[in-house]
């Protein structure tokens, strides 16, 4: 490669579709006034895509990114099993950070990225689900 040349992958870079979707979701939520306090938060049970604060509420966000809606909206992929897993991850996170007394919310952000060079379609589902097993702990 000659000096002064570089690889340009465009606005999405060489990252995976999921990583690009999470970054787009974080930017979208910031514009909506949420403060992102964690990205790809790893725990023994899995990973939380985004953790945000919204007026004193801790928001756990599951981001689903797809190239099309052929299989339905990406939000449909957040089934009951995934909701329960996210609830357990949220409990673990809150215990670790002393947040058991805080209000929590579970949001889903669906990202459809049809064209690599165009902005994605983003749908934000506030309070997308509630985990009744955890409600009494918060």
Protein backbone atom coordinates (compact mmCIF):
# COMPACT_ATOMS: atom_id res chain seq x y z
CA UNK A 1 0.00 0.00 0.00
CA UNK A 2 1.35 3.42 -0.89
CA UNK A 3 1.91 6.06 1.76
CA UNK A 4 -1.11 8.28 2.20
CA UNK A 5 -3.64 5.69 1.07
CA UNK A 6 -6.14 4.05 3.36
CA UNK A 7 -9.05 1.66 3.31
CA UNK A 8 -12.45 3.28 3.50
CA UNK A 9 -15.40 1.09 4.39
CA UNK A 10 -17.97 3.86 4.29
CA UNK A 11 -20.11 5.09 7.16
CA UNK A 12 -20.66 1.61 8.56
CA UNK A 13 -17.04 0.53 8.65
CA UNK A 14 -16.04 -3.12 8.85
CA UNK A 15 -18.11 -3.88 11.95
CA UNK A 16 -20.80 -6.53 12.08
CA UNK A 17 -24.40 -5.63 11.32
CA UNK A 18 -25.29 -6.14 15.00
CA UNK A 19 -22.52 -3.82 16.19
CA UNK A 20 -23.56 -1.15 13.68
CA UNK A 21 -27.18 -1.51 14.82
CA UNK A 22 -26.21 -1.09 18.49
CA UNK A 23 -24.19 2.03 17.65
CA UNK A 24 -27.11 3.49 15.66
CA UNK A 25 -29.52 2.65 18.49
CA UNK A 26 -27.24 4.36 21.03
CA UNK A 27 -27.07 7.52 18.89
CA UNK A 28 -30.86 7.47 18.46
CA UNK A 29 -31.49 7.09 22.20
CA UNK A 30 -29.03 9.89 23.00
CA UNK A 31 -30.94 12.19 20.63
CA UNK A 32 -34.11 11.24 22.53
CA UNK A 33 -32.53 12.39 25.80
CA UNK A 34 -31.37 9.09 27.32
CA UNK A 35 -27.87 8.87 28.76
CA UNK A 36 -26.02 5.73 27.66
CA UNK A 37 -24.05 4.34 30.62
CA UNK A 38 -23.14 0.91 29.25
CA UNK A 39 -22.66 -0.84 25.92
CA UNK A 40 -22.29 -4.58 25.42
CA UNK A 41 -22.29 -5.13 29.18
CA UNK A 42 -21.07 -8.67 29.79
CA UNK A 43 -22.23 -10.84 32.67
CA UNK A 44 -22.02 -14.57 33.42
CA UNK A 45 -25.47 -15.13 31.88
CA UNK A 46 -24.89 -13.18 28.68
CA UNK A 47 -24.73 -9.61 27.46
CA UNK A 48 -26.90 -6.50 27.78
CA UNK A 49 -26.78 -4.49 24.56
CA UNK A 50 -27.28 -1.04 26.11
CA UNK A 51 -27.87 0.35 29.58
CA UNK A 52 -29.20 3.88 29.78
CA UNK A 53 -30.60 6.38 32.26
CA UNK A 54 -33.89 8.14 31.55
CA UNK A 55 -34.92 10.63 34.24
CA UNK A 56 -33.71 8.40 37.08
CA UNK A 57 -34.95 5.16 35.52
CA UNK A 58 -32.40 2.50 34.62
CA UNK A 59 -33.23 1.32 31.10
CA UNK A 60 -32.04 -2.04 29.79
CA UNK A 61 -32.16 -2.06 26.01
CA UNK A 62 -32.20 -5.06 23.70
CA UNK A 63 -31.22 -4.08 20.16
CA UNK A 64 -32.24 -6.25 17.22
CA UNK A 65 -30.87 -5.42 13.80
CA UNK A 66 -31.94 -6.95 10.49
CA UNK A 67 -31.41 -6.20 6.82
CA UNK A 68 -35.08 -6.65 5.95
CA UNK A 69 -38.48 -7.45 7.41
CA UNK A 70 -38.80 -10.78 5.57
CA UNK A 71 -38.94 -12.64 8.88
CA UNK A 72 -41.04 -9.92 10.51
CA UNK A 73 -40.00 -6.98 12.61
CA UNK A 74 -36.74 -7.48 14.52
CA UNK A 75 -38.61 -6.77 17.76
CA UNK A 76 -40.43 -10.11 17.35
CA UNK A 77 -37.11 -11.84 18.00
CA UNK A 78 -37.31 -10.66 21.62
CA UNK A 79 -39.43 -13.59 22.72
CA UNK A 80 -40.39 -14.62 26.26
CA UNK A 81 -37.17 -16.61 26.73
CA UNK A 82 -35.02 -13.63 25.71
CA UNK A 83 -37.07 -11.34 27.96
CA UNK A 84 -36.46 -13.63 30.95
CA UNK A 85 -32.73 -13.75 30.19
CA UNK A 86 -32.58 -9.95 29.97
CA UNK A 87 -34.47 -9.74 33.26
CA UNK A 88 -31.88 -11.97 34.97
CA UNK A 89 -29.06 -9.93 33.44
CA UNK A 90 -30.71 -6.73 34.69
CA UNK A 91 -30.98 -8.16 38.20
CA UNK A 92 -27.30 -9.13 38.14
CA UNK A 93 -26.35 -5.64 36.88
CA UNK A 94 -28.45 -3.89 39.55
CA UNK A 95 -27.01 -6.05 42.34
CA UNK A 96 -23.46 -5.30 41.18
CA UNK A 97 -24.07 -1.55 41.03
CA UNK A 98 -26.29 -1.08 44.09
CA UNK A 99 -29.37 -0.21 42.02
CA UNK A 100 -31.96 -2.61 43.45
CA UNK A 101 -34.10 0.27 44.72
CA UNK A 102 -34.15 2.08 41.38
CA UNK A 103 -36.94 2.11 38.84
CA UNK A 104 -36.13 -0.03 35.81
CA UNK A 105 -37.54 -0.35 32.33
CA UNK A 106 -36.97 -2.79 29.49
CA UNK A 107 -36.90 -1.29 26.01
CA UNK A 108 -36.41 -2.85 22.60
CA UNK A 109 -34.88 -1.00 19.67
CA UNK A 110 -35.53 -2.55 16.25
CA UNK A 111 -33.11 -1.48 13.53
CA UNK A 112 -33.73 -2.24 9.85
CA UNK A 113 -30.67 -1.49 7.73
CA UNK A 114 -31.87 -2.13 4.18
CA UNK A 115 -29.17 -0.20 2.34
CA UNK A 116 -25.60 -0.11 3.55
CA UNK A 117 -25.08 3.52 2.57
CA UNK A 118 -28.37 4.92 3.87
CA UNK A 119 -29.53 5.58 7.42
CA UNK A 120 -31.43 2.73 9.04
CA UNK A 121 -35.07 2.67 10.07
CA UNK A 122 -35.20 2.68 13.88
CA UNK A 123 -38.22 1.84 16.03
CA UNK A 124 -37.99 2.32 19.80
CA UNK A 125 -40.39 0.36 21.98
CA UNK A 126 -40.36 1.96 25.45
CA UNK A 127 -41.36 -0.40 28.21
CA UNK A 128 -41.56 -3.21 25.66
CA UNK A 129 -41.98 -5.85 28.34
CA UNK A 130 -42.10 -6.33 32.07
CA UNK A 131 -40.61 -9.22 34.04
CA UNK A 132 -43.13 -10.01 36.81
CA UNK A 133 -40.59 -12.16 38.65
CA UNK A 134 -38.32 -9.16 39.06
CA UNK A 135 -40.89 -6.41 39.62
CA UNK A 136 -40.89 -6.87 43.40
CA UNK A 137 -37.10 -6.54 43.61
CA UNK A 138 -36.95 -3.03 42.16
